[in-house]
PDB file of N, CA and C in Angstrom:
ATOM      1  N   MET A   1      97.060  94.626 112.115  1.00  0.00           N
ATOM      2  CA  MET A   1      96.035  94.934 111.150  1.00  0.00           C
ATOM      3  C   MET A   1      96.081  96.424 110.913  1.00  0.00           C
ATOM      4  N   ALA A   2      95.992  96.829 109.678  1.00  0.00           N
ATOM      5  CA  ALA A   2      95.906  98.247 109.378  1.00  0.00           C
ATOM      6  C   ALA A   2      94.592  98.715 109.949  1.00  0.00           C
ATOM      7  N   GLY A   3      94.556  99.951 110.387  1.00  0.00           N
ATOM      8  CA  GLY A   3      93.371 100.425 111.067  1.00  0.00           C
ATOM      9  C   GLY A   3      92.081 100.097 110.332  1.00  0.00           C
ATOM     10  N   THR A   4      91.137  99.572 111.009  1.00  0.00           N
ATOM     11  CA  THR A   4      89.807  99.298 110.456  1.00  0.00           C
ATOM     12  C   THR A   4      88.767  99.711 111.458  1.00  0.00           C
ATOM     13  N   ALA A   5      87.910  99.524 111.949  1.00  0.00           N
ATOM     14  CA  ALA A   5      86.978  99.879 113.017  1.00  0.00           C
ATOM     15  C   ALA A   5      86.563 101.340 112.982  1.00  0.00           C
ATOM     16  N   SER A   6      85.301 101.519 112.703  1.00  0.00           N
ATOM     17  CA  SER A   6      84.766 102.866 112.597  1.00  0.00           C
ATOM     18  C   SER A   6      84.768 103.584 113.934  1.00  0.00           C
ATOM     19  N   ALA A   7      84.823 102.861 115.032  1.00  0.00           N
ATOM     20  CA  ALA A   7      84.815 103.502 116.347  1.00  0.00           C
ATOM     21  C   ALA A   7      86.214 103.528 116.949  1.00  0.00           C
ATOM     22  N   SER A   8      87.236 103.640 116.116  1.00  0.00           N
ATOM     23  CA  SER A   8      88.609 103.633 116.615  1.00  0.00           C
ATOM     24  C   SER A   8      88.834 104.764 117.605  1.00  0.00           C
ATOM     25  N   PRO A   9      89.427 104.452 118.762  1.00  0.00           N
ATOM     26  CA  PRO A   9      89.728 105.506 119.730  1.00  0.00           C
ATOM     27  C   PRO A   9      90.821 106.456 119.228  1.00  0.00           C
ATOM     28  N   LEU A  10      91.474 106.114 118.126  1.00  0.00           N
ATOM     29  CA  LEU A  10      92.520 106.988 117.589  1.00  0.00           C
ATOM     30  C   LEU A  10      91.961 108.168 116.809  1.00  0.00           C
ATOM     31  N   LEU A  11      90.723 108.073 116.341  1.00  0.00           N
ATOM     32  CA  LEU A  11      90.164 109.126 115.493  1.00  0.00           C
ATOM     33  C   LEU A  11      90.280 110.485 116.170  1.00  0.00           C
ATOM     34  N   GLY A  12      90.743 111.466 115.404  1.00  0.00           N
ATOM     35  CA  GLY A  12      90.882 112.810 115.927  1.00  0.00           C
ATOM     36  C   GLY A  12      92.316 113.294 115.837  1.00  0.00           C
ATOM     37  N   SER A  13      92.588 114.342 116.586  1.00  0.00           N
ATOM     38  CA  SER A  13      93.888 115.003 116.561  1.00  0.00           C
ATOM     39  C   SER A  13      94.612 114.783 117.883  1.00  0.00           C
ATOM     40  N   TRP A  14      95.906 114.514 117.797  1.00  0.00           N
ATOM     41  CA  TRP A  14      96.754 114.250 118.958  1.00  0.00           C
ATOM     42  C   TRP A  14      97.940 115.204 118.938  1.00  0.00           C
ATOM     43  N   ALA A  15      98.211 115.869 120.048  1.00  0.00           N
ATOM     44  CA  ALA A  15      99.393 116.738 120.168  1.00  0.00           C
ATOM     45  C   ALA A  15     100.615 115.837 120.325  1.00  0.00           C
ATOM     46  N   PHE A  16     101.574 115.970 119.405  1.00  0.00           N
ATOM     47  CA  PHE A  16     102.754 115.106 119.345  1.00  0.00           C
ATOM     48  C   PHE A  16     103.982 115.883 119.777  1.00  0.00           C
ATOM     49  N   ARG A  17     104.864 115.215 120.535  1.00  0.00           N
ATOM     50  CA  ARG A  17     106.120 115.842 120.956  1.00  0.00           C
ATOM     51  C   ARG A  17     107.187 114.766 121.124  1.00  0.00           C
ATOM     52  N   ALA A  18     108.371 115.079 120.633  1.00  0.00           N
ATOM     53  CA  ALA A  18     109.532 114.198 120.819  1.00  0.00           C
ATOM     54  C   ALA A  18     110.706 115.063 121.257  1.00  0.00           C
ATOM     55  N   GLU A  19     111.467 114.559 122.211  1.00  0.00           N
ATOM     56  CA  GLU A  19     112.634 115.281 122.710  1.00  0.00           C
ATOM     57  C   GLU A  19     113.888 114.686 122.086  1.00  0.00           C
ATOM     58  N   THR A  20     114.574 115.463 121.263  1.00  0.00           N
ATOM     59  CA  THR A  20     115.770 114.960 120.595  1.00  0.00           C
ATOM     60  C   THR A  20     117.044 115.300 121.349  1.00  0.00           C
ATOM     61  N   GLY A  21     116.947 116.173 122.350  1.00  0.00           N
ATOM     62  CA  GLY A  21     118.148 116.624 123.039  1.00  0.00           C
ATOM     63  C   GLY A  21     118.611 117.940 122.453  1.00  0.00           C
ATOM     64  N   ASP A  22     118.526 118.083 121.133  1.00  0.00           N
ATOM     65  CA  ASP A  22     118.914 119.337 120.472  1.00  0.00           C
ATOM     66  C   ASP A  22     117.757 120.327 120.526  1.00  0.00           C
ATOM     67  N   ARG A  23     116.633 119.886 120.035  1.00  0.00           N
ATOM     68  CA  ARG A  23     115.427 120.720 120.047  1.00  0.00           C
ATOM     69  C   ARG A  23     114.231 119.787 119.994  1.00  0.00           C
ATOM     70  N   PRO A  24     113.125 120.190 120.586  1.00  0.00           N
ATOM     71  CA  PRO A  24     111.950 119.324 120.558  1.00  0.00           C
ATOM     72  C   PRO A  24     111.322 119.301 119.168  1.00  0.00           C
ATOM     73  N   ILE A  25     110.695 118.185 118.865  1.00  0.00           N
ATOM     74  CA  ILE A  25     109.910 118.058 117.639  1.00  0.00           C
ATOM     75  C   ILE A  25     108.455 118.096 118.073  1.00  0.00           C
ATOM     76  N   GLY A  26     107.698 118.983 117.495  1.00  0.00           N
ATOM     77  CA  GLY A  26     106.288 119.096 117.856  1.00  0.00           C
ATOM     78  C   GLY A  26     105.415 118.975 116.627  1.00  0.00           C
ATOM     79  N   GLY A  27     104.129 118.919 116.851  1.00  0.00           N
ATOM     80  CA  GLY A  27     103.183 118.836 115.749  1.00  0.00           C
ATOM     81  C   GLY A  27     101.950 118.080 116.201  1.00  0.00           C
ATOM     82  N   ASP A  28     101.192 117.628 115.248  1.00  0.00           N
ATOM     83  CA  ASP A  28      99.981 116.854 115.524  1.00  0.00           C
ATOM     84  C   ASP A  28     100.015 115.549 114.752  1.00  0.00           C
ATOM     85  N   LEU A  29      99.427 114.533 115.351  1.00  0.00           N
ATOM     86  CA  LEU A  29      99.086 113.314 114.633  1.00  0.00           C
ATOM     87  C   LEU A  29      97.583 113.378 114.430  1.00  0.00           C
ATOM     88  N   ARG A  30      97.110 113.169 113.219  1.00  0.00           N
ATOM     89  CA  ARG A  30      95.676 113.232 112.934  1.00  0.00           C
ATOM     90  C   ARG A  30      95.238 111.932 112.285  1.00  0.00           C
ATOM     91  N   PHE A  31      94.219 111.337 112.874  1.00  0.00           N
ATOM     92  CA  PHE A  31      93.699 110.063 112.386  1.00  0.00           C
ATOM     93  C   PHE A  31      92.254 110.239 111.931  1.00  0.00           C
ATOM     94  N   SER A  32      91.931 109.651 110.785  1.00  0.00           N
ATOM     95  CA  SER A  32      90.570 109.714 110.254  1.00  0.00           C
ATOM     96  C   SER A  32      90.305 108.439 109.464  1.00  0.00           C
ATOM     97  N   LEU A  33      89.100 108.322 108.962  1.00  0.00           N
ATOM     98  CA  LEU A  33      88.724 107.168 108.158  1.00  0.00           C
ATOM     99  C   LEU A  33      88.640 107.571 106.694  1.00  0.00           C
ATOM    100  N   GLU A  34      89.181 106.718 105.841  1.00  0.00           N
ATOM    101  CA  GLU A  34      88.970 106.809 104.395  1.00  0.00           C
ATOM    102  C   GLU A  34      88.208 105.544 104.052  1.00  0.00           C
ATOM    103  N   GLY A  35      86.902 105.673 103.896  1.00  0.00           N
ATOM    104  CA  GLY A  35      86.066 104.487 103.773  1.00  0.00           C
ATOM    105  C   GLY A  35      86.071 103.791 105.113  1.00  0.00           C
ATOM    106  N   SER A  36      86.524 102.547 105.156  1.00  0.00           N
ATOM    107  CA  SER A  36      86.613 101.833 106.433  1.00  0.00           C
ATOM    108  C   SER A  36      88.057 101.712 106.916  1.00  0.00           C
ATOM    109  N   GLU A  37      88.994 102.362 106.222  1.00  0.00           N
ATOM    110  CA  GLU A  37      90.409 102.265 106.572  1.00  0.00           C
ATOM    111  C   GLU A  37      90.851 103.453 107.416  1.00  0.00           C
ATOM    112  N   LEU A  38      91.539 103.155 108.518  1.00  0.00           N
ATOM    113  CA  LEU A  38      92.122 104.184 109.366  1.00  0.00           C
ATOM    114  C   LEU A  38      93.376 104.722 108.688  1.00  0.00           C
ATOM    115  N   VAL A  39      93.453 106.038 108.543  1.00  0.00           N
ATOM    116  CA  VAL A  39      94.630 106.679 107.955  1.00  0.00           C
ATOM    117  C   VAL A  39      95.111 107.750 108.922  1.00  0.00           C
ATOM    118  N   GLY A  40      96.374 108.105 108.794  1.00  0.00           N
ATOM    119  CA  GLY A  40      96.927 109.116 109.683  1.00  0.00           C
ATOM    120  C   GLY A  40      97.877 110.045 108.962  1.00  0.00           C
ATOM    121  N   PHE A  41      98.055 111.223 109.570  1.00  0.00           N
ATOM    122  CA  PHE A  41      98.968 112.237 109.052  1.00  0.00           C
ATOM    123  C   PHE A  41      99.736 112.836 110.211  1.00  0.00           C
ATOM    124  N   TYR A  42     101.000 113.179 109.955  1.00  0.00           N
ATOM    125  CA  TYR A  42     101.766 114.011 110.876  1.00  0.00           C
ATOM    126  C   TYR A  42     101.686 115.417 110.305  1.00  0.00           C
ATOM    127  N   VAL A  43     101.261 116.376 111.119  1.00  0.00           N
ATOM    128  CA  VAL A  43     101.169 117.765 110.691  1.00  0.00           C
ATOM    129  C   VAL A  43     102.188 118.555 111.509  1.00  0.00           C
ATOM    130  N   GLY A  44     103.193 119.074 110.821  1.00  0.00           N
ATOM    131  CA  GLY A  44     104.255 119.812 111.493  1.00  0.00           C
ATOM    132  C   GLY A  44     103.814 121.210 111.895  1.00  0.00           C
ATOM    133  N   PRO A  45     104.655 121.912 112.659  1.00  0.00           N
ATOM    134  CA  PRO A  45     104.323 123.265 113.116  1.00  0.00           C
ATOM    135  C   PRO A  45     104.031 124.226 111.966  1.00  0.00           C
ATOM    136  N   SER A  46     104.595 123.963 110.784  1.00  0.00           N
ATOM    137  CA  SER A  46     104.354 124.839 109.634  1.00  0.00           C
ATOM    138  C   SER A  46     103.003 124.572 108.986  1.00  0.00           C
ATOM    139  N   GLY A  47     102.338 123.476 109.410  1.00  0.00           N
ATOM    140  CA  GLY A  47     101.050 123.123 108.822  1.00  0.00           C
ATOM    141  C   GLY A  47     101.156 122.106 107.705  1.00  0.00           C
ATOM    142  N   LYS A  48     102.374 121.712 107.347  1.00  0.00           N
ATOM    143  CA  LYS A  48     102.561 120.725 106.281  1.00  0.00           C
ATOM    144  C   LYS A  48     102.176 119.339 106.799  1.00  0.00           C
ATOM    145  N   ALA A  49     101.299 118.656 106.041  1.00  0.00           N
ATOM    146  CA  ALA A  49     100.837 117.324 106.433  1.00  0.00           C
ATOM    147  C   ALA A  49     101.591 116.255 105.653  1.00  0.00           C
ATOM    148  N   THR A  50     102.055 115.237 106.364  1.00  0.00           N
ATOM    149  CA  THR A  50     102.741 114.098 105.761  1.00  0.00           C
ATOM    150  C   THR A  50     101.975 112.837 106.148  1.00  0.00           C
ATOM    151  N   ARG A  51     101.548 112.070 105.162  1.00  0.00           N
ATOM    152  CA  ARG A  51     100.778 110.857 105.438  1.00  0.00           C
ATOM    153  C   ARG A  51     101.647 109.831 106.159  1.00  0.00           C
ATOM    154  N   LEU A  52     101.078 109.182 107.167  1.00  0.00           N
ATOM    155  CA  LEU A  52     101.773 108.107 107.871  1.00  0.00           C
ATOM    156  C   LEU A  52     101.769 106.878 106.970  1.00  0.00           C
ATOM    157  N   ILE A  53     102.913 106.250 106.851  1.00  0.00           N
ATOM    158  CA  ILE A  53     103.083 105.068 106.014  1.00  0.00           C
ATOM    159  C   ILE A  53     103.094 103.838 106.910  1.00  0.00           C
ATOM    160  N   SER A  54     102.593 102.723 106.412  1.00  0.00           N
ATOM    161  CA  SER A  54     102.619 101.440 107.131  1.00  0.00           C
ATOM    162  C   SER A  54     101.979 101.544 108.511  1.00  0.00           C
ATOM    163  N   LEU A  55     100.844 102.223 108.604  1.00  0.00           N
ATOM    164  CA  LEU A  55     100.132 102.372 109.874  1.00  0.00           C
ATOM    165  C   LEU A  55      99.552 101.024 110.293  1.00  0.00           C
ATOM    166  N   LEU A  56      99.985 100.545 111.458  1.00  0.00           N
ATOM    167  CA  LEU A  56      99.497  99.280 112.000  1.00  0.00           C
ATOM    168  C   LEU A  56      99.025  99.501 113.429  1.00  0.00           C
ATOM    169  N   VAL A  57      97.835  98.986 113.719  1.00  0.00           N
ATOM    170  CA  VAL A  57      97.292  99.066 115.068  1.00  0.00           C
ATOM    171  C   VAL A  57      96.868  97.653 115.451  1.00  0.00           C
ATOM    172  N   SER A  58      97.327  97.192 116.596  1.00  0.00           N
ATOM    173  CA  SER A  58      96.976  95.862 117.085  1.00  0.00           C
ATOM    174  C   SER A  58      96.823  95.944 118.595  1.00  0.00           C
ATOM    175  N   GLY A  59      95.579  95.828 119.067  1.00  0.00           N
ATOM    176  CA  GLY A  59      95.346  95.991 120.499  1.00  0.00           C
ATOM    177  C   GLY A  59      95.746  97.386 120.920  1.00  0.00           C
ATOM    178  N   ASP A  60      96.632  97.483 121.918  1.00  0.00           N
ATOM    179  CA  ASP A  60      97.080  98.801 122.368  1.00  0.00           C
ATOM    180  C   ASP A  60      98.406  99.214 121.732  1.00  0.00           C
ATOM    181  N   GLN A  61      98.867  98.455 120.727  1.00  0.00           N
ATOM    182  CA  GLN A  61     100.139  98.757 120.065  1.00  0.00           C
ATOM    183  C   GLN A  61      99.892  99.515 118.762  1.00  0.00           C
ATOM    184  N   ILE A  62     100.765 100.487 118.471  1.00  0.00           N
ATOM    185  CA  ILE A  62     100.688 101.253 117.232  1.00  0.00           C
ATOM    186  C   ILE A  62     102.085 101.351 116.632  1.00  0.00           C
ATOM    187  N   ALA A  63     102.149 101.338 115.320  1.00  0.00           N
ATOM    188  CA  ALA A  63     103.415 101.511 114.611  1.00  0.00           C
ATOM    189  C   ALA A  63     103.122 102.223 113.297  1.00  0.00           C
ATOM    190  N   PHE A  64     104.023 103.111 112.901  1.00  0.00           N
ATOM    191  CA  PHE A  64     103.881 103.810 111.626  1.00  0.00           C
ATOM    192  C   PHE A  64     105.207 104.438 111.253  1.00  0.00           C
ATOM    193  N   ASP A  65     105.323 104.813 109.985  1.00  0.00           N
ATOM    194  CA  ASP A  65     106.516 105.476 109.482  1.00  0.00           C
ATOM    195  C   ASP A  65     106.165 106.896 109.065  1.00  0.00           C
ATOM    196  N   ILE A  66     107.079 107.809 109.331  1.00  0.00           N
ATOM    197  CA  ILE A  66     106.989 109.175 108.825  1.00  0.00           C
ATOM    198  C   ILE A  66     108.186 109.369 107.902  1.00  0.00           C
ATOM    199  N   VAL A  67     107.907 109.708 106.646  1.00  0.00           N
ATOM    200  CA  VAL A  67     108.976 109.953 105.682  1.00  0.00           C
ATOM    201  C   VAL A  67     109.090 111.454 105.480  1.00  0.00           C
ATOM    202  N   GLY A  68     110.275 111.973 105.764  1.00  0.00           N
ATOM    203  CA  GLY A  68     110.498 113.412 105.647  1.00  0.00           C
ATOM    204  C   GLY A  68     111.842 113.698 105.024  1.00  0.00           C
ATOM    205  N   PRO A  69     112.249 114.961 105.040  1.00  0.00           N
ATOM    206  CA  PRO A  69     113.507 115.351 104.405  1.00  0.00           C
ATOM    207  C   PRO A  69     114.740 114.706 105.042  1.00  0.00           C
ATOM    208  N   LEU A  70     114.624 114.286 106.302  1.00  0.00           N
ATOM    209  CA  LEU A  70     115.772 113.663 106.973  1.00  0.00           C
ATOM    210  C   LEU A  70     115.733 112.144 106.889  1.00  0.00           C
ATOM    211  N   GLY A  71     114.822 111.599 106.095  1.00  0.00           N
ATOM    212  CA  GLY A  71     114.733 110.151 105.955  1.00  0.00           C
ATOM    213  C   GLY A  71     113.436 109.617 106.517  1.00  0.00           C
ATOM    214  N   LYS A  72     113.423 108.318 106.788  1.00  0.00           N
ATOM    215  CA  LYS A  72     112.225 107.648 107.294  1.00  0.00           C
ATOM    216  C   LYS A  72     112.424 107.290 108.756  1.00  0.00           C
ATOM    217  N   TRP A  73     111.439 107.664 109.577  1.00  0.00           N
ATOM    218  CA  TRP A  73     111.442 107.297 110.983  1.00  0.00           C
ATOM    219  C   TRP A  73     110.364 106.266 111.203  1.00  0.00           C
ATOM    220  N   HIS A  74     110.699 105.183 111.878  1.00  0.00           N
ATOM    221  CA  HIS A  74     109.737 104.140 112.214  1.00  0.00           C
ATOM    222  C   HIS A  74     109.382 104.297 113.691  1.00  0.00           C
ATOM    223  N   LEU A  75     108.152 104.727 113.958  1.00  0.00           N
ATOM    224  CA  LEU A  75     107.697 104.952 115.321  1.00  0.00           C
ATOM    225  C   LEU A  75     106.891 103.764 115.805  1.00  0.00           C
ATOM    226  N   VAL A  76     107.143 103.345 117.026  1.00  0.00           N
ATOM    227  CA  VAL A  76     106.372 102.288 117.673  1.00  0.00           C
ATOM    228  C   VAL A  76     105.927 102.827 119.023  1.00  0.00           C
ATOM    229  N   GLY A  77     104.756 102.374 119.471  1.00  0.00           N
ATOM    230  CA  GLY A  77     104.294 102.865 120.751  1.00  0.00           C
ATOM    231  C   GLY A  77     103.103 102.105 121.272  1.00  0.00           C
ATOM    232  N   THR A  78     102.608 102.612 122.385  1.00  0.00           N
ATOM    233  CA  THR A  78     101.476 102.038 123.087  1.00  0.00           C
ATOM    234  C   THR A  78     100.419 103.116 123.255  1.00  0.00           C
ATOM    235  N   VAL A  79      99.159 102.733 123.028  1.00  0.00           N
ATOM    236  CA  VAL A  79      98.032 103.640 123.225  1.00  0.00           C
ATOM    237  C   VAL A  79      97.381 103.276 124.552  1.00  0.00           C
ATOM    238  N   ALA A  80      97.176 104.262 125.420  1.00  0.00           N
ATOM    239  CA  ALA A  80      96.512 104.058 126.714  1.00  0.00           C
ATOM    240  C   ALA A  80      95.531 105.199 126.918  1.00  0.00           C
ATOM    241  N   GLY A  81      94.271 104.971 126.552  1.00  0.00           N
ATOM    242  CA  GLY A  81      93.256 106.015 126.688  1.00  0.00           C
ATOM    243  C   GLY A  81      93.540 107.179 125.764  1.00  0.00           C
ATOM    244  N   ASP A  82      93.720 108.368 126.352  1.00  0.00           N
ATOM    245  CA  ASP A  82      93.965 109.555 125.540  1.00  0.00           C
ATOM    246  C   ASP A  82      95.446 109.920 125.480  1.00  0.00           C
ATOM    247  N   ARG A  83      96.317 108.915 125.686  1.00  0.00           N
ATOM    248  CA  ARG A  83      97.775 109.117 125.615  1.00  0.00           C
ATOM    249  C   ARG A  83      98.409 108.020 124.758  1.00  0.00           C
ATOM    250  N   MET A  84      99.480 108.391 124.082  1.00  0.00           N
ATOM    251  CA  MET A  84     100.333 107.445 123.365  1.00  0.00           C
ATOM    252  C   MET A  84     101.762 107.755 123.753  1.00  0.00           C
ATOM    253  N   SER A  85     102.586 106.747 123.767  1.00  0.00           N
ATOM    254  CA  SER A  85     104.013 106.976 123.997  1.00  0.00           C
ATOM    255  C   SER A  85     104.790 105.869 123.321  1.00  0.00           C
ATOM    256  N   GLY A  86     106.026 106.197 122.944  1.00  0.00           N
ATOM    257  CA  GLY A  86     106.847 105.194 122.277  1.00  0.00           C
ATOM    258  C   GLY A  86     108.220 105.743 121.959  1.00  0.00           C
ATOM    259  N   THR A  87     108.851 105.113 120.977  1.00  0.00           N
ATOM    260  CA  THR A  87     110.205 105.491 120.573  1.00  0.00           C
ATOM    261  C   THR A  87     110.337 105.398 119.061  1.00  0.00           C
ATOM    262  N   PHE A  88     111.383 106.032 118.559  1.00  0.00           N
ATOM    263  CA  PHE A  88     111.814 105.827 117.176  1.00  0.00           C
ATOM    264  C   PHE A  88     113.321 105.965 117.110  1.00  0.00           C
ATOM    265  N   GLU A  89     113.877 105.348 116.087  1.00  0.00           N
ATOM    266  CA  GLU A  89     115.328 105.320 115.915  1.00  0.00           C
ATOM    267  C   GLU A  89     115.766 106.356 114.889  1.00  0.00           C
ATOM    268  N   THR A  90     116.866 107.043 115.196  1.00  0.00           N
ATOM    269  CA  THR A  90     117.547 107.854 114.187  1.00  0.00           C
ATOM    270  C   THR A  90     118.870 107.147 113.912  1.00  0.00           C
ATOM    271  N   ILE A  91     119.675 107.744 113.088  1.00  0.00           N
ATOM    272  CA  ILE A  91     120.969 107.126 112.777  1.00  0.00           C
ATOM    273  C   ILE A  91     121.828 106.997 114.026  1.00  0.00           C
ATOM    274  N   THR A  92     121.680 107.955 114.957  1.00  0.00           N
ATOM    275  CA  THR A  92     122.585 107.992 116.107  1.00  0.00           C
ATOM    276  C   THR A  92     121.977 107.573 117.436  1.00  0.00           C
ATOM    277  N   ARG A  93     120.628 107.540 117.561  1.00  0.00           N
ATOM    278  CA  ARG A  93     120.072 107.239 118.881  1.00  0.00           C
ATOM    279  C   ARG A  93     118.592 106.880 118.815  1.00  0.00           C
ATOM    280  N   THR A  94     118.070 106.477 119.973  1.00  0.00           N
ATOM    281  CA  THR A  94     116.641 106.212 120.145  1.00  0.00           C
ATOM    282  C   THR A  94     116.013 107.431 120.800  1.00  0.00           C
ATOM    283  N   ILE A  95     114.885 107.874 120.251  1.00  0.00           N
ATOM    284  CA  ILE A  95     114.204 109.070 120.753  1.00  0.00           C
ATOM    285  C   ILE A  95     112.816 108.678 121.259  1.00  0.00           C
ATOM    286  N   SER A  96     112.451 109.201 122.418  1.00  0.00           N
ATOM    287  CA  SER A  96     111.124 108.960 122.988  1.00  0.00           C
ATOM    288  C   SER A  96     110.137 109.984 122.451  1.00  0.00           C
ATOM    289  N   TRP A  97     108.891 109.559 122.273  1.00  0.00           N
ATOM    290  CA  TRP A  97     107.837 110.478 121.850  1.00  0.00           C
ATOM    291  C   TRP A  97     106.571 110.229 122.662  1.00  0.00           C
ATOM    292  N   ILE A  98     105.745 111.261 122.739  1.00  0.00           N
ATOM    293  CA  ILE A  98     104.456 111.158 123.410  1.00  0.00           C
ATOM    294  C   ILE A  98     103.414 111.882 122.551  1.00  0.00           C
ATOM    295  N   ALA A  99     102.172 111.526 122.740  1.00  0.00           N
ATOM    296  CA  ALA A  99     101.071 112.220 122.075  1.00  0.00           C
ATOM    297  C   ALA A  99      99.875 112.194 123.019  1.00  0.00           C
ATOM    298  N   ALA A 100      99.158 113.305 123.074  1.00  0.00           N
ATOM    299  CA  ALA A 100      97.964 113.423 123.915  1.00  0.00           C
ATOM    300  C   ALA A 100      96.793 113.827 123.032  1.00  0.00           C
ATOM    301  N   LYS A 101      95.688 113.117 123.195  1.00  0.00           N
ATOM    302  CA  LYS A 101      94.512 113.400 122.371  1.00  0.00           C
ATOM    303  C   LYS A 101      93.959 114.769 122.714  1.00  0.00           C
ATOM    304  N   LYS A 102      93.669 115.532 121.666  1.00  0.00           N
ATOM    305  CA  LYS A 102      93.084 116.854 121.849  1.00  0.00           C
ATOM    306  C   LYS A 102      91.568 116.706 121.949  1.00  0.00           C
ATOM    307  N   PRO A 103      90.918 117.578 122.703  1.00  0.00           N
ATOM    308  CA  PRO A 103      89.458 117.510 122.766  1.00  0.00           C
ATOM    309  C   PRO A 103      88.866 117.733 121.379  1.00  0.00           C
ATOM    310  N   ALA A 104      87.782 117.050 121.093  1.00  0.00           N
ATOM    311  CA  ALA A 104      87.105 117.240 119.814  1.00  0.00           C
ATOM    312  C   ALA A 104      86.607 118.671 119.746  1.00  0.00           C
ATOM    313  N   THR A 105      86.783 119.260 118.599  1.00  0.00           N
ATOM    314  CA  THR A 105      86.305 120.632 118.443  1.00  0.00           C
ATOM    315  C   THR A 105      84.898 120.600 117.863  1.00  0.00           C
ATOM    316  N   THR A 106      84.081 121.454 118.367  1.00  0.00           N
ATOM    317  CA  THR A 106      82.728 121.565 117.836  1.00  0.00           C
ATOM    318  C   THR A 106      82.634 122.882 117.096  1.00  0.00           C
ATOM    319  N   PRO A 107      81.899 122.903 115.996  1.00  0.00           N
ATOM    320  CA  PRO A 107      81.809 124.167 115.265  1.00  0.00           C
ATOM    321  C   PRO A 107      81.129 125.216 116.130  1.00  0.00           C
ATOM    322  N   PRO A 108      81.529 126.464 115.970  1.00  0.00           N
ATOM    323  CA  PRO A 108      80.904 127.510 116.783  1.00  0.00           C
ATOM    324  C   PRO A 108      79.418 127.613 116.457  1.00  0.00           C
ATOM    325  N   ALA A 109      78.650 127.967 117.454  1.00  0.00           N
ATOM    326  CA  ALA A 109      77.207 128.145 117.253  1.00  0.00           C
ATOM    327  C   ALA A 109      76.999 129.336 116.336  1.00  0.00           C
ATOM    328  N   PRO A 110      75.989 129.244 115.480  1.00  0.00           N
ATOM    329  CA  PRO A 110      75.746 130.397 114.604  1.00  0.00           C
ATOM    330  C   PRO A 110      75.385 131.620 115.436  1.00  0.00           C
ATOM    331  N   ARG A 111      75.872 132.738 114.987  1.00  0.00           N
ATOM    332  CA  ARG A 111      75.581 133.983 115.710  1.00  0.00           C
ATOM    333  C   ARG A 111      74.214 134.482 115.319  1.00  0.00           C
ATOM    334  N   THR A 112      73.465 134.866 116.306  1.00  0.00           N
ATOM    335  CA  THR A 112      72.168 135.463 116.061  1.00  0.00           C
ATOM    336  C   THR A 112      72.388 136.952 115.909  1.00  0.00           C
ATOM    337  N   PRO A 113      71.949 137.512 114.788  1.00  0.00           N
ATOM    338  CA  PRO A 113      72.182 138.954 114.647  1.00  0.00           C
ATOM    339  C   PRO A 113      71.470 139.711 115.761  1.00  0.00           C
ATOM    340  N   SER A 114      72.166 140.710 116.263  1.00  0.00           N
ATOM    341  CA  SER A 114      71.535 141.493 117.323  1.00  0.00           C
ATOM    342  C   SER A 114      70.462 142.378 116.691  1.00  0.00           C
ATOM    343  N   PRO A 115      69.388 142.577 117.419  1.00  0.00           N
ATOM    344  CA  PRO A 115      68.340 143.428 116.860  1.00  0.00           C
ATOM    345  C   PRO A 115      68.858 144.844 116.693  1.00  0.00           C
ATOM    346  N   GLY A 116      68.390 145.479 115.685  1.00  0.00           N
ATOM    347  CA  GLY A 116      68.802 146.857 115.433  1.00  0.00           C
ATOM    348  C   GLY A 116      68.155 147.773 116.464  1.00  0.00           C
ATOM    349  N   PRO A 117      68.393 149.050 116.324  1.00  0.00           N
ATOM    350  CA  PRO A 117      67.796 149.983 117.277  1.00  0.00           C
ATOM    351  C   PRO A 117      66.270 149.903 117.205  1.00  0.00           C
ATOM    352  N   ALA A 118      65.671 150.081 118.338  1.00  0.00           N
ATOM    353  CA  ALA A 118      64.208 150.038 118.393  1.00  0.00           C
ATOM    354  C   ALA A 118      63.639 151.188 117.588  1.00  0.00           C
ATOM    355  N   ILE A 119      62.629 150.892 116.815  1.00  0.00           N
ATOM    356  CA  ILE A 119      61.970 151.945 116.025  1.00  0.00           C
ATOM    357  C   ILE A 119      60.807 152.463 116.835  1.00  0.00           C
ATOM    358  N   ARG A 120      60.746 153.749 117.002  1.00  0.00           N
ATOM    359  CA  ARG A 120      59.655 154.336 117.805  1.00  0.00           C
ATOM    360  C   ARG A 120      58.811 155.208 116.941  1.00  0.00           C
TER     361      ARG A 120
END
């Protein structure tokens, strides 16, 4: 089922990393709701966001596609609490990936202006 459930444990930002052997792939996976539908984005180190295609969540299983300049990667994995792990295929090999949920950020408290010098 494509993500539905307003209380999805996926909501938020996840630190993503994959080891290719040549160089690591890093970035964030970000999940949010559009209406009642769960949507996701891969955000690369440059800040460019790419929408996840064919996002499917069923129980603890997750699958999605990332389409980029090197083609389409189909990622499959398992969600366990605040961790995800899985694999994806390239033309030449299978690559493992992991993601760890980042703590929710709270907006900073408003600053109270400091009182000026005492007037005497």
